[in-house]
PDB file of N, CA and C in Angstrom:
ATOM      1  N   MET A   1      85.254  86.415  93.158  1.00  0.00           N
ATOM      2  CA  MET A   1      85.954  85.191  93.481  1.00  0.00           C
ATOM      3  C   MET A   1      85.390  84.032  92.653  1.00  0.00           C
ATOM      4  N   LEU A   2      84.088  83.842  92.739  1.00  0.00           N
ATOM      5  CA  LEU A   2      83.495  82.766  91.961  1.00  0.00           C
ATOM      6  C   LEU A   2      82.879  83.280  90.665  1.00  0.00           C
ATOM      7  N   GLY A   3      82.728  84.572  90.538  1.00  0.00           N
ATOM      8  CA  GLY A   3      82.254  85.186  89.305  1.00  0.00           C
ATOM      9  C   GLY A   3      80.848  84.815  88.900  1.00  0.00           C
ATOM     10  N   SER A   4      79.871  85.643  89.281  1.00  0.00           N
ATOM     11  CA  SER A   4      78.483  85.341  88.931  1.00  0.00           C
ATOM     12  C   SER A   4      78.200  85.576  87.455  1.00  0.00           C
ATOM     13  N   LYS A   5      79.040  86.341  86.772  1.00  0.00           N
ATOM     14  CA  LYS A   5      78.827  86.617  85.346  1.00  0.00           C
ATOM     15  C   LYS A   5      79.784  85.838  84.447  1.00  0.00           C
ATOM     16  N   SER A   6      81.007  85.608  84.905  1.00  0.00           N
ATOM     17  CA  SER A   6      81.962  84.943  84.003  1.00  0.00           C
ATOM     18  C   SER A   6      82.776  83.851  84.689  1.00  0.00           C
ATOM     19  N   GLY A   7      82.488  83.529  85.932  1.00  0.00           N
ATOM     20  CA  GLY A   7      83.294  82.544  86.640  1.00  0.00           C
ATOM     21  C   GLY A   7      82.551  81.243  86.874  1.00  0.00           C
ATOM     22  N   PHE A   8      82.855  80.623  87.977  1.00  0.00           N
ATOM     23  CA  PHE A   8      82.316  79.315  88.321  1.00  0.00           C
ATOM     24  C   PHE A   8      80.792  79.324  88.411  1.00  0.00           C
ATOM     25  N   GLN A   9      80.226  80.357  89.056  1.00  0.00           N
ATOM     26  CA  GLN A   9      78.772  80.412  89.219  1.00  0.00           C
ATOM     27  C   GLN A   9      78.054  80.438  87.871  1.00  0.00           C
ATOM     28  N   SER A  10      78.574  81.204  86.931  1.00  0.00           N
ATOM     29  CA  SER A  10      77.914  81.284  85.619  1.00  0.00           C
ATOM     30  C   SER A  10      77.967  79.948  84.899  1.00  0.00           C
ATOM     31  N   ARG A  11      79.042  79.224  85.044  1.00  0.00           N
ATOM     32  CA  ARG A  11      79.156  77.905  84.400  1.00  0.00           C
ATOM     33  C   ARG A  11      78.195  76.895  85.022  1.00  0.00           C
ATOM     34  N   VAL A  12      78.052  76.959  86.341  1.00  0.00           N
ATOM     35  CA  VAL A  12      77.112  76.062  87.009  1.00  0.00           C
ATOM     36  C   VAL A  12      75.691  76.392  86.570  1.00  0.00           C
ATOM     37  N   LYS A  13      75.357  77.676  86.471  1.00  0.00           N
ATOM     38  CA  LYS A  13      74.006  78.078  86.073  1.00  0.00           C
ATOM     39  C   LYS A  13      73.684  77.676  84.625  1.00  0.00           C
ATOM     40  N   LYS A  14      74.689  77.586  83.776  1.00  0.00           N
ATOM     41  CA  LYS A  14      74.449  77.111  82.411  1.00  0.00           C
ATOM     42  C   LYS A  14      73.997  75.653  82.427  1.00  0.00           C
ATOM     43  N   LEU A  15      74.618  74.861  83.316  1.00  0.00           N
ATOM     44  CA  LEU A  15      74.269  73.443  83.404  1.00  0.00           C
ATOM     45  C   LEU A  15      73.018  73.208  84.242  1.00  0.00           C
ATOM     46  N   ALA A  16      72.825  74.020  85.268  1.00  0.00           N
ATOM     47  CA  ALA A  16      71.679  73.863  86.176  1.00  0.00           C
ATOM     48  C   ALA A  16      71.085  75.242  86.457  1.00  0.00           C
ATOM     49  N   PRO A  17      70.167  75.715  85.604  1.00  0.00           N
ATOM     50  CA  PRO A  17      69.627  77.071  85.741  1.00  0.00           C
ATOM     51  C   PRO A  17      68.916  77.329  87.072  1.00  0.00           C
ATOM     52  N   GLN A  18      68.437  76.289  87.746  1.00  0.00           N
ATOM     53  CA  GLN A  18      67.743  76.473  89.021  1.00  0.00           C
ATOM     54  C   GLN A  18      68.714  76.698  90.187  1.00  0.00           C
ATOM     55  N   ALA A  19      69.998  76.483  89.985  1.00  0.00           N
ATOM     56  CA  ALA A  19      71.004  76.661  91.048  1.00  0.00           C
ATOM     57  C   ALA A  19      71.129  78.139  91.416  1.00  0.00           C
ATOM     58  N   LYS A  20      71.357  78.372  92.697  1.00  0.00           N
ATOM     59  CA  LYS A  20      71.518  79.749  93.184  1.00  0.00           C
ATOM     60  C   LYS A  20      72.922  79.917  93.739  1.00  0.00           C
ATOM     61  N   GLY A  21      73.532  81.026  93.428  1.00  0.00           N
ATOM     62  CA  GLY A  21      74.861  81.327  93.950  1.00  0.00           C
ATOM     63  C   GLY A  21      74.760  82.231  95.168  1.00  0.00           C
ATOM     64  N   ILE A  22      75.483  81.875  96.217  1.00  0.00           N
ATOM     65  CA  ILE A  22      75.497  82.689  97.435  1.00  0.00           C
ATOM     66  C   ILE A  22      76.945  82.823  97.903  1.00  0.00           C
ATOM     67  N   HIS A  23      77.182  83.820  98.742  1.00  0.00           N
ATOM     68  CA  HIS A  23      78.496  83.965  99.360  1.00  0.00           C
ATOM     69  C   HIS A  23      78.607  82.977 100.511  1.00  0.00           C
ATOM     70  N   CYS A  24      79.784  82.438 100.724  1.00  0.00           N
ATOM     71  CA  CYS A  24      79.985  81.544 101.863  1.00  0.00           C
ATOM     72  C   CYS A  24      79.876  82.355 103.152  1.00  0.00           C
ATOM     73  N   MET A  25      79.710  81.686 104.275  1.00  0.00           N
ATOM     74  CA  MET A  25      79.517  82.364 105.554  1.00  0.00           C
ATOM     75  C   MET A  25      80.709  83.242 105.923  1.00  0.00           C
ATOM     76  N   ILE A  26      81.901  82.772 105.645  1.00  0.00           N
ATOM     77  CA  ILE A  26      83.095  83.549 105.976  1.00  0.00           C
ATOM     78  C   ILE A  26      83.120  84.834 105.157  1.00  0.00           C
ATOM     79  N   HIS A  27      82.791  84.738 103.891  1.00  0.00           N
ATOM     80  CA  HIS A  27      82.794  85.922 103.041  1.00  0.00           C
ATOM     81  C   HIS A  27      81.685  86.884 103.452  1.00  0.00           C
ATOM     82  N   ARG A  28      80.546  86.376 103.863  1.00  0.00           N
ATOM     83  CA  ARG A  28      79.467  87.238 104.370  1.00  0.00           C
ATOM     84  C   ARG A  28      79.940  88.011 105.589  1.00  0.00           C
ATOM     85  N   TYR A  29      80.634  87.318 106.487  1.00  0.00           N
ATOM     86  CA  TYR A  29      81.161  87.965 107.690  1.00  0.00           C
ATOM     87  C   TYR A  29      82.126  89.091 107.316  1.00  0.00           C
ATOM     88  N   ALA A  30      82.988  88.824 106.359  1.00  0.00           N
ATOM     89  CA  ALA A  30      83.960  89.830 105.926  1.00  0.00           C
ATOM     90  C   ALA A  30      83.255  91.033 105.319  1.00  0.00           C
ATOM     91  N   LEU A  31      82.226  90.787 104.516  1.00  0.00           N
ATOM     92  CA  LEU A  31      81.481  91.886 103.907  1.00  0.00           C
ATOM     93  C   LEU A  31      80.732  92.691 104.963  1.00  0.00           C
ATOM     94  N   ALA A  32      80.136  91.995 105.929  1.00  0.00           N
ATOM     95  CA  ALA A  32      79.396  92.690 106.983  1.00  0.00           C
ATOM     96  C   ALA A  32      80.318  93.541 107.850  1.00  0.00           C
ATOM     97  N   SER A  33      81.520  93.055 108.114  1.00  0.00           N
ATOM     98  CA  SER A  33      82.431  93.806 108.976  1.00  0.00           C
ATOM     99  C   SER A  33      82.954  95.068 108.301  1.00  0.00           C
ATOM    100  N   LYS A  34      82.852  95.140 106.974  1.00  0.00           N
ATOM    101  CA  LYS A  34      83.291  96.341 106.268  1.00  0.00           C
ATOM    102  C   LYS A  34      82.250  97.450 106.326  1.00  0.00           C
ATOM    103  N   THR A  35      81.009  97.108 106.665  1.00  0.00           N
ATOM    104  CA  THR A  35      79.939  98.096 106.696  1.00  0.00           C
ATOM    105  C   THR A  35      79.357  98.247 108.098  1.00  0.00           C
ATOM    106  N   LEU A  36      80.206  98.246 109.098  1.00  0.00           N
ATOM    107  CA  LEU A  36      79.743  98.415 110.472  1.00  0.00           C
ATOM    108  C   LEU A  36      79.247  99.833 110.699  1.00  0.00           C
ATOM    109  N   PRO A  37      78.284 100.012 111.599  1.00  0.00           N
ATOM    110  CA  PRO A  37      77.882 101.370 111.981  1.00  0.00           C
ATOM    111  C   PRO A  37      79.068 102.111 112.599  1.00  0.00           C
ATOM    112  N   ALA A  38      79.020 103.424 112.553  1.00  0.00           N
ATOM    113  CA  ALA A  38      80.142 104.247 113.015  1.00  0.00           C
ATOM    114  C   ALA A  38      80.513 103.953 114.465  1.00  0.00           C
ATOM    115  N   SER A  39      79.518 103.746 115.332  1.00  0.00           N
ATOM    116  CA  SER A  39      79.814 103.496 116.749  1.00  0.00           C
ATOM    117  C   SER A  39      80.572 102.182 116.933  1.00  0.00           C
ATOM    118  N   LEU A  40      80.173 101.134 116.223  1.00  0.00           N
ATOM    119  CA  LEU A  40      80.874  99.853 116.332  1.00  0.00           C
ATOM    120  C   LEU A  40      82.249  99.918 115.680  1.00  0.00           C
ATOM    121  N   GLN A  41      82.362 100.661 114.588  1.00  0.00           N
ATOM    122  CA  GLN A  41      83.661 100.827 113.926  1.00  0.00           C
ATOM    123  C   GLN A  41      84.642 101.522 114.864  1.00  0.00           C
ATOM    124  N   GLU A  42      84.159 102.494 115.620  1.00  0.00           N
ATOM    125  CA  GLU A  42      85.004 103.207 116.578  1.00  0.00           C
ATOM    126  C   GLU A  42      85.501 102.271 117.679  1.00  0.00           C
ATOM    127  N   VAL A  43      84.616 101.411 118.165  1.00  0.00           N
ATOM    128  CA  VAL A  43      84.997 100.433 119.196  1.00  0.00           C
ATOM    129  C   VAL A  43      86.034  99.468 118.632  1.00  0.00           C
ATOM    130  N   LEU A  44      85.800  98.987 117.424  1.00  0.00           N
ATOM    131  CA  LEU A  44      86.738  98.063 116.784  1.00  0.00           C
ATOM    132  C   LEU A  44      88.107  98.704 116.620  1.00  0.00           C
ATOM    133  N   GLU A  45      88.150  99.949 116.187  1.00  0.00           N
ATOM    134  CA  GLU A  45      89.423 100.654 116.029  1.00  0.00           C
ATOM    135  C   GLU A  45      90.136 100.824 117.364  1.00  0.00           C
ATOM    136  N   SER A  46      89.379 101.098 118.432  1.00  0.00           N
ATOM    137  CA  SER A  46      89.984 101.220 119.765  1.00  0.00           C
ATOM    138  C   SER A  46      90.605  99.903 120.206  1.00  0.00           C
ATOM    139  N   VAL A  47      89.875  98.820 119.990  1.00  0.00           N
ATOM    140  CA  VAL A  47      90.381  97.493 120.360  1.00  0.00           C
ATOM    141  C   VAL A  47      91.658  97.188 119.577  1.00  0.00           C
ATOM    142  N   ILE A  48      91.649  97.457 118.297  1.00  0.00           N
ATOM    143  CA  ILE A  48      92.826  97.187 117.463  1.00  0.00           C
ATOM    144  C   ILE A  48      94.006  98.050 117.901  1.00  0.00           C
ATOM    145  N   ASN A  49      93.750  99.306 118.260  1.00  0.00           N
ATOM    146  CA  ASN A  49      94.827 100.183 118.743  1.00  0.00           C
ATOM    147  C   ASN A  49      95.438  99.659 120.037  1.00  0.00           C
ATOM    148  N   ILE A  50      94.610  99.164 120.940  1.00  0.00           N
ATOM    149  CA  ILE A  50      95.111  98.612 122.208  1.00  0.00           C
ATOM    150  C   ILE A  50      95.972  97.378 121.943  1.00  0.00           C
ATOM    151  N   VAL A  51      95.465  96.488 121.097  1.00  0.00           N
ATOM    152  CA  VAL A  51      96.225  95.266 120.776  1.00  0.00           C
ATOM    153  C   VAL A  51      97.544  95.627 120.109  1.00  0.00           C
ATOM    154  N   ASN A  52      97.499  96.545 119.152  1.00  0.00           N
ATOM    155  CA  ASN A  52      98.722  96.937 118.457  1.00  0.00           C
ATOM    156  C   ASN A  52      99.707  97.622 119.400  1.00  0.00           C
ATOM    157  N   TYR A  53      99.213  98.371 120.376  1.00  0.00           N
ATOM    158  CA  TYR A  53     100.093  99.001 121.359  1.00  0.00           C
ATOM    159  C   TYR A  53     100.860  97.938 122.145  1.00  0.00           C
ATOM    160  N   ILE A  54     100.170  96.888 122.529  1.00  0.00           N
ATOM    161  CA  ILE A  54     100.814  95.829 123.313  1.00  0.00           C
ATOM    162  C   ILE A  54     101.717  94.969 122.430  1.00  0.00           C
ATOM    163  N   LYS A  55     101.287  94.668 121.211  1.00  0.00           N
ATOM    164  CA  LYS A  55     102.002  93.710 120.374  1.00  0.00           C
ATOM    165  C   LYS A  55     103.163  94.298 119.565  1.00  0.00           C
ATOM    166  N   THR A  56     103.165  95.602 119.277  1.00  0.00           N
ATOM    167  CA  THR A  56     104.184  96.127 118.372  1.00  0.00           C
ATOM    168  C   THR A  56     105.541  96.344 119.027  1.00  0.00           C
ATOM    169  N   LYS A  57     105.572  96.471 120.332  1.00  0.00           N
ATOM    170  CA  LYS A  57     106.853  96.650 121.020  1.00  0.00           C
ATOM    171  C   LYS A  57     107.193  95.377 121.782  1.00  0.00           C
ATOM    172  N   ALA A  58     108.411  94.910 121.598  1.00  0.00           N
ATOM    173  CA  ALA A  58     108.826  93.656 122.237  1.00  0.00           C
ATOM    174  C   ALA A  58     108.758  93.751 123.756  1.00  0.00           C
ATOM    175  N   LEU A  59     109.129  94.893 124.325  1.00  0.00           N
ATOM    176  CA  LEU A  59     109.086  95.053 125.777  1.00  0.00           C
ATOM    177  C   LEU A  59     107.654  94.937 126.289  1.00  0.00           C
ATOM    178  N   ASN A  60     106.724  95.607 125.626  1.00  0.00           N
ATOM    179  CA  ASN A  60     105.325  95.518 126.047  1.00  0.00           C
ATOM    180  C   ASN A  60     104.808  94.088 125.941  1.00  0.00           C
ATOM    181  N   THR A  61     105.176  93.400 124.877  1.00  0.00           N
ATOM    182  CA  THR A  61     104.736  92.021 124.691  1.00  0.00           C
ATOM    183  C   THR A  61     105.258  91.130 125.812  1.00  0.00           C
ATOM    184  N   CYS A  62     106.530  91.282 126.148  1.00  0.00           N
ATOM    185  CA  CYS A  62     107.129  90.475 127.228  1.00  0.00           C
ATOM    186  C   CYS A  62     106.505  90.800 128.579  1.00  0.00           C
ATOM    187  N   LEU A  63     106.327  92.085 128.851  1.00  0.00           N
ATOM    188  CA  LEU A  63     105.714  92.488 130.121  1.00  0.00           C
ATOM    189  C   LEU A  63     104.290  91.972 130.236  1.00  0.00           C
ATOM    190  N   PHE A  64     103.544  92.052 129.145  1.00  0.00           N
ATOM    191  CA  PHE A  64     102.163  91.570 129.156  1.00  0.00           C
ATOM    192  C   PHE A  64     102.119  90.061 129.369  1.00  0.00           C
ATOM    193  N   LYS A  65     103.019  89.350 128.733  1.00  0.00           N
ATOM    194  CA  LYS A  65     103.065  87.887 128.884  1.00  0.00           C
ATOM    195  C   LYS A  65     103.371  87.506 130.336  1.00  0.00           C
ATOM    196  N   GLU A  66     104.332  88.203 130.954  1.00  0.00           N
ATOM    197  CA  GLU A  66     104.666  87.926 132.358  1.00  0.00           C
ATOM    198  C   GLU A  66     103.503  88.265 133.286  1.00  0.00           C
ATOM    199  N   LEU A  67     102.815  89.358 133.002  1.00  0.00           N
ATOM    200  CA  LEU A  67     101.646  89.726 133.797  1.00  0.00           C
ATOM    201  C   LEU A  67     100.590  88.636 133.724  1.00  0.00           C
ATOM    202  N   CYS A  68     100.357  88.113 132.539  1.00  0.00           N
ATOM    203  CA  CYS A  68      99.363  87.049 132.364  1.00  0.00           C
ATOM    204  C   CYS A  68      99.776  85.773 133.090  1.00  0.00           C
ATOM    205  N   LYS A  69     101.070  85.453 133.059  1.00  0.00           N
ATOM    206  CA  LYS A  69     101.555  84.283 133.804  1.00  0.00           C
ATOM    207  C   LYS A  69     101.322  84.464 135.290  1.00  0.00           C
ATOM    208  N   ASP A  70     101.631  85.662 135.805  1.00  0.00           N
ATOM    209  CA  ASP A  70     101.451  85.940 137.232  1.00  0.00           C
ATOM    210  C   ASP A  70      99.985  85.881 137.649  1.00  0.00           C
ATOM    211  N   MET A  71      99.100  86.238 136.730  1.00  0.00           N
ATOM    212  CA  MET A  71      97.668  86.238 137.032  1.00  0.00           C
ATOM    213  C   MET A  71      97.011  84.889 136.735  1.00  0.00           C
ATOM    214  N   ASN A  72      97.805  83.902 136.304  1.00  0.00           N
ATOM    215  CA  ASN A  72      97.288  82.585 135.924  1.00  0.00           C
ATOM    216  C   ASN A  72      96.154  82.695 134.915  1.00  0.00           C
ATOM    217  N   ALA A  73      96.362  83.518 133.914  1.00  0.00           N
ATOM    218  CA  ALA A  73      95.351  83.727 132.881  1.00  0.00           C
ATOM    219  C   ALA A  73      95.276  82.509 131.959  1.00  0.00           C
ATOM    220  N   ASP A  74      94.127  82.358 131.324  1.00  0.00           N
ATOM    221  CA  ASP A  74      93.943  81.261 130.368  1.00  0.00           C
ATOM    222  C   ASP A  74      94.846  81.421 129.154  1.00  0.00           C
ATOM    223  N   HIS A  75      95.086  82.665 128.774  1.00  0.00           N
ATOM    224  CA  HIS A  75      95.932  82.968 127.627  1.00  0.00           C
ATOM    225  C   HIS A  75      97.065  83.875 128.079  1.00  0.00           C
ATOM    226  N   GLU A  76      98.186  83.805 127.375  1.00  0.00           N
ATOM    227  CA  GLU A  76      99.327  84.651 127.714  1.00  0.00           C
ATOM    228  C   GLU A  76      99.648  85.658 126.620  1.00  0.00           C
ATOM    229  N   ILE A  77      99.053  85.497 125.462  1.00  0.00           N
ATOM    230  CA  ILE A  77      99.338  86.423 124.367  1.00  0.00           C
ATOM    231  C   ILE A  77      98.041  86.901 123.735  1.00  0.00           C
ATOM    232  N   LEU A  78      98.116  88.090 123.161  1.00  0.00           N
ATOM    233  CA  LEU A  78      97.008  88.616 122.372  1.00  0.00           C
ATOM    234  C   LEU A  78      97.213  88.215 120.918  1.00  0.00           C
ATOM    235  N   LEU A  79      96.142  88.144 120.196  1.00  0.00           N
ATOM    236  CA  LEU A  79      96.241  87.862 118.769  1.00  0.00           C
ATOM    237  C   LEU A  79      96.442  89.180 118.039  1.00  0.00           C
ATOM    238  N   PHE A  80      97.322  89.178 117.073  1.00  0.00           N
ATOM    239  CA  PHE A  80      97.636  90.392 116.319  1.00  0.00           C
ATOM    240  C   PHE A  80      96.630  90.552 115.196  1.00  0.00           C
ATOM    241  N   TYR A  81      96.115  91.742 115.031  1.00  0.00           N
ATOM    242  CA  TYR A  81      95.137  92.000 113.977  1.00  0.00           C
ATOM    243  C   TYR A  81      95.826  92.164 112.635  1.00  0.00           C
ATOM    244  N   THR A  82      95.335  91.461 111.632  1.00  0.00           N
ATOM    245  CA  THR A  82      95.810  91.657 110.261  1.00  0.00           C
ATOM    246  C   THR A  82      94.595  91.861 109.371  1.00  0.00           C
ATOM    247  N   ALA A  83      94.605  92.915 108.608  1.00  0.00           N
ATOM    248  CA  ALA A  83      93.469  93.235 107.745  1.00  0.00           C
ATOM    249  C   ALA A  83      93.326  92.250 106.594  1.00  0.00           C
ATOM    250  N   VAL A  84      94.363  91.484 106.327  1.00  0.00           N
ATOM    251  CA  VAL A  84      94.337  90.563 105.202  1.00  0.00           C
ATOM    252  C   VAL A  84      93.438  89.362 105.483  1.00  0.00           C
ATOM    253  N   ARG A  85      93.476  88.850 106.694  1.00  0.00           N
ATOM    254  CA  ARG A  85      92.707  87.651 107.007  1.00  0.00           C
ATOM    255  C   ARG A  85      91.297  88.022 107.427  1.00  0.00           C
ATOM    256  N   TRP A  86      90.310  87.358 106.856  1.00  0.00           N
ATOM    257  CA  TRP A  86      88.910  87.684 107.084  1.00  0.00           C
ATOM    258  C   TRP A  86      88.479  87.507 108.532  1.00  0.00           C
ATOM    259  N   LEU A  87      88.919  86.445 109.166  1.00  0.00           N
ATOM    260  CA  LEU A  87      88.448  86.140 110.515  1.00  0.00           C
ATOM    261  C   LEU A  87      89.245  86.844 111.603  1.00  0.00           C
ATOM    262  N   SER A  88      90.222  87.621 111.222  1.00  0.00           N
ATOM    263  CA  SER A  88      91.117  88.237 112.188  1.00  0.00           C
ATOM    264  C   SER A  88      90.388  89.128 113.180  1.00  0.00           C
ATOM    265  N   LYS A  89      89.458  89.952 112.708  1.00  0.00           N
ATOM    266  CA  LYS A  89      88.754  90.876 113.601  1.00  0.00           C
ATOM    267  C   LYS A  89      88.002  90.129 114.690  1.00  0.00           C
ATOM    268  N   GLY A  90      87.275  89.115 114.313  1.00  0.00           N
ATOM    269  CA  GLY A  90      86.505  88.359 115.291  1.00  0.00           C
ATOM    270  C   GLY A  90      87.383  87.660 116.313  1.00  0.00           C
ATOM    271  N   ASN A  91      88.473  87.068 115.851  1.00  0.00           N
ATOM    272  CA  ASN A  91      89.388  86.386 116.767  1.00  0.00           C
ATOM    273  C   ASN A  91      90.041  87.363 117.730  1.00  0.00           C
ATOM    274  N   VAL A  92      90.433  88.523 117.222  1.00  0.00           N
ATOM    275  CA  VAL A  92      91.066  89.537 118.071  1.00  0.00           C
ATOM    276  C   VAL A  92      90.080  90.016 119.130  1.00  0.00           C
ATOM    277  N   ILE A  93      88.858  90.311 118.723  1.00  0.00           N
ATOM    278  CA  ILE A  93      87.854  90.804 119.679  1.00  0.00           C
ATOM    279  C   ILE A  93      87.547  89.744 120.730  1.00  0.00           C
ATOM    280  N   ASN A  94      87.414  88.495 120.327  1.00  0.00           N
ATOM    281  CA  ASN A  94      87.168  87.422 121.306  1.00  0.00           C
ATOM    282  C   ASN A  94      88.295  87.319 122.320  1.00  0.00           C
ATOM    283  N   ARG A  95      89.533  87.371 121.851  1.00  0.00           N
ATOM    284  CA  ARG A  95      90.675  87.249 122.765  1.00  0.00           C
ATOM    285  C   ARG A  95      90.749  88.458 123.703  1.00  0.00           C
ATOM    286  N   VAL A  96      90.487  89.647 123.176  1.00  0.00           N
ATOM    287  CA  VAL A  96      90.501  90.852 124.021  1.00  0.00           C
ATOM    288  C   VAL A  96      89.423  90.743 125.087  1.00  0.00           C
ATOM    289  N   PHE A  97      88.255  90.261 124.719  1.00  0.00           N
ATOM    290  CA  PHE A  97      87.183  90.095 125.703  1.00  0.00           C
ATOM    291  C   PHE A  97      87.579  89.089 126.774  1.00  0.00           C
ATOM    292  N   GLU A  98      88.198  87.989 126.376  1.00  0.00           N
ATOM    293  CA  GLU A  98      88.623  86.975 127.338  1.00  0.00           C
ATOM    294  C   GLU A  98      89.715  87.494 128.267  1.00  0.00           C
ATOM    295  N   MET A  99      90.517  88.433 127.795  1.00  0.00           N
ATOM    296  CA  MET A  99      91.662  88.932 128.576  1.00  0.00           C
ATOM    297  C   MET A  99      91.454  90.370 129.050  1.00  0.00           C
ATOM    298  N   LYS A 100      90.208  90.810 129.152  1.00  0.00           N
ATOM    299  CA  LYS A 100      89.940  92.214 129.469  1.00  0.00           C
ATOM    300  C   LYS A 100      90.520  92.652 130.806  1.00  0.00           C
ATOM    301  N   ASP A 101      90.510  91.788 131.799  1.00  0.00           N
ATOM    302  CA  ASP A 101      91.063  92.156 133.112  1.00  0.00           C
ATOM    303  C   ASP A 101      92.580  92.329 133.045  1.00  0.00           C
ATOM    304  N   GLU A 102      93.245  91.425 132.346  1.00  0.00           N
ATOM    305  CA  GLU A 102      94.701  91.515 132.205  1.00  0.00           C
ATOM    306  C   GLU A 102      95.100  92.760 131.412  1.00  0.00           C
ATOM    307  N   ILE A 103      94.348  93.051 130.366  1.00  0.00           N
ATOM    308  CA  ILE A 103      94.645  94.222 129.544  1.00  0.00           C
ATOM    309  C   ILE A 103      94.439  95.495 130.349  1.00  0.00           C
ATOM    310  N   LYS A 104      93.362  95.548 131.100  1.00  0.00           N
ATOM    311  CA  LYS A 104      93.081  96.740 131.916  1.00  0.00           C
ATOM    312  C   LYS A 104      94.205  96.975 132.919  1.00  0.00           C
ATOM    313  N   LEU A 105      94.620  95.921 133.602  1.00  0.00           N
ATOM    314  CA  LEU A 105      95.705  96.054 134.576  1.00  0.00           C
ATOM    315  C   LEU A 105      97.007  96.468 133.899  1.00  0.00           C
ATOM    316  N   PHE A 106      97.306  95.881 132.756  1.00  0.00           N
ATOM    317  CA  PHE A 106      98.526  96.230 132.035  1.00  0.00           C
ATOM    318  C   PHE A 106      98.529  97.697 131.631  1.00  0.00           C
ATOM    319  N   LEU A 107      97.422  98.177 131.066  1.00  0.00           N
ATOM    320  CA  LEU A 107      97.353  99.566 130.637  1.00  0.00           C
ATOM    321  C   LEU A 107      97.426 100.524 131.817  1.00  0.00           C
ATOM    322  N   GLU A 108      96.810 100.162 132.938  1.00  0.00           N
ATOM    323  CA  GLU A 108      96.908 100.995 134.143  1.00  0.00           C
ATOM    324  C   GLU A 108      98.347 101.049 134.646  1.00  0.00           C
ATOM    325  N   THR A 109      99.031  99.924 134.621  1.00  0.00           N
ATOM    326  CA  THR A 109     100.426  99.874 135.043  1.00  0.00           C
ATOM    327  C   THR A 109     101.292 100.719 134.121  1.00  0.00           C
ATOM    328  N   GLN A 110     101.057 100.617 132.833  1.00  0.00           N
ATOM    329  CA  GLN A 110     101.819 101.420 131.873  1.00  0.00           C
ATOM    330  C   GLN A 110     101.582 102.914 132.092  1.00  0.00           C
ATOM    331  N   GLU A 111     100.353 103.272 132.391  1.00  0.00           N
ATOM    332  CA  GLU A 111     100.028 104.686 132.639  1.00  0.00           C
ATOM    333  C   GLU A 111     100.737 105.186 133.890  1.00  0.00           C
ATOM    334  N   ARG A 112     100.770 104.375 134.940  1.00  0.00           N
ATOM    335  CA  ARG A 112     101.488 104.753 136.170  1.00  0.00           C
ATOM    336  C   ARG A 112     102.979 104.892 135.910  1.00  0.00           C
ATOM    337  N   ARG A 113     103.526 103.967 135.109  1.00  0.00           N
ATOM    338  CA  ARG A 113     104.951 104.020 134.794  1.00  0.00           C
ATOM    339  C   ARG A 113     105.270 105.289 134.004  1.00  0.00           C
ATOM    340  N   ARG A 114     104.399 105.633 133.078  1.00  0.00           N
ATOM    341  CA  ARG A 114     104.612 106.835 132.279  1.00  0.00           C
ATOM    342  C   ARG A 114     104.520 108.101 133.134  1.00  0.00           C
ATOM    343  N   SER A 115     103.632 108.097 134.126  1.00  0.00           N
ATOM    344  CA  SER A 115     103.499 109.289 134.973  1.00  0.00           C
ATOM    345  C   SER A 115     104.704 109.440 135.903  1.00  0.00           C
ATOM    346  N   CYS A 116     105.357 108.332 136.238  1.00  0.00           N
ATOM    347  CA  CYS A 116     106.564 108.400 137.083  1.00  0.00           C
ATOM    348  C   CYS A 116     107.777 108.870 136.272  1.00  0.00           C
ATOM    349  N   TYR A 117     107.804 108.519 135.008  1.00  0.00           N
ATOM    350  CA  TYR A 117     108.913 108.888 134.122  1.00  0.00           C
ATOM    351  C   TYR A 117     108.342 109.641 132.916  1.00  0.00           C
ATOM    352  N   PRO A 118     107.946 110.900 133.099  1.00  0.00           N
ATOM    353  CA  PRO A 118     107.275 111.609 132.013  1.00  0.00           C
ATOM    354  C   PRO A 118     108.125 111.857 130.776  1.00  0.00           C
ATOM    355  N   LEU A 119     109.449 111.834 130.870  1.00  0.00           N
ATOM    356  CA  LEU A 119     110.286 112.103 129.709  1.00  0.00           C
ATOM    357  C   LEU A 119     110.514 110.855 128.863  1.00  0.00           C
ATOM    358  N   ARG A 120     110.271 109.684 129.417  1.00  0.00           N
ATOM    359  CA  ARG A 120     110.446 108.434 128.661  1.00  0.00           C
ATOM    360  C   ARG A 120     109.238 108.185 127.783  1.00  0.00           C
ATOM    361  N   ARG A 121     109.477 107.674 126.608  1.00  0.00           N
ATOM    362  CA  ARG A 121     108.372 107.319 125.707  1.00  0.00           C
ATOM    363  C   ARG A 121     108.550 105.940 125.192  1.00  0.00           C
TER     364      ARG A 121
END
């Protein structure tokens, strides 16, 4: 991005050799999240799968929103995970943690509904 050999950093170092180039905090976070231990990566994938299950179908999204309204939750929607945005993982995990009770109830309700209508998907 800034190019330590041929970009902005190299030009700054030509003018000020004592200057040090570092990654910004956001970029450090993005790099660290790419090298998570296997156990944390598995948890992250589970969280993303749960969010995507709720967010990808309009019916699930509407049902979840109504459930949150009925429970007087602080939030009514989950944040959708996008791999493109660096801060997306952290924001998604924070929102899931804040809404863990609503998500648990929603998933339990969905499981009960599926067991009552086993042929519906």
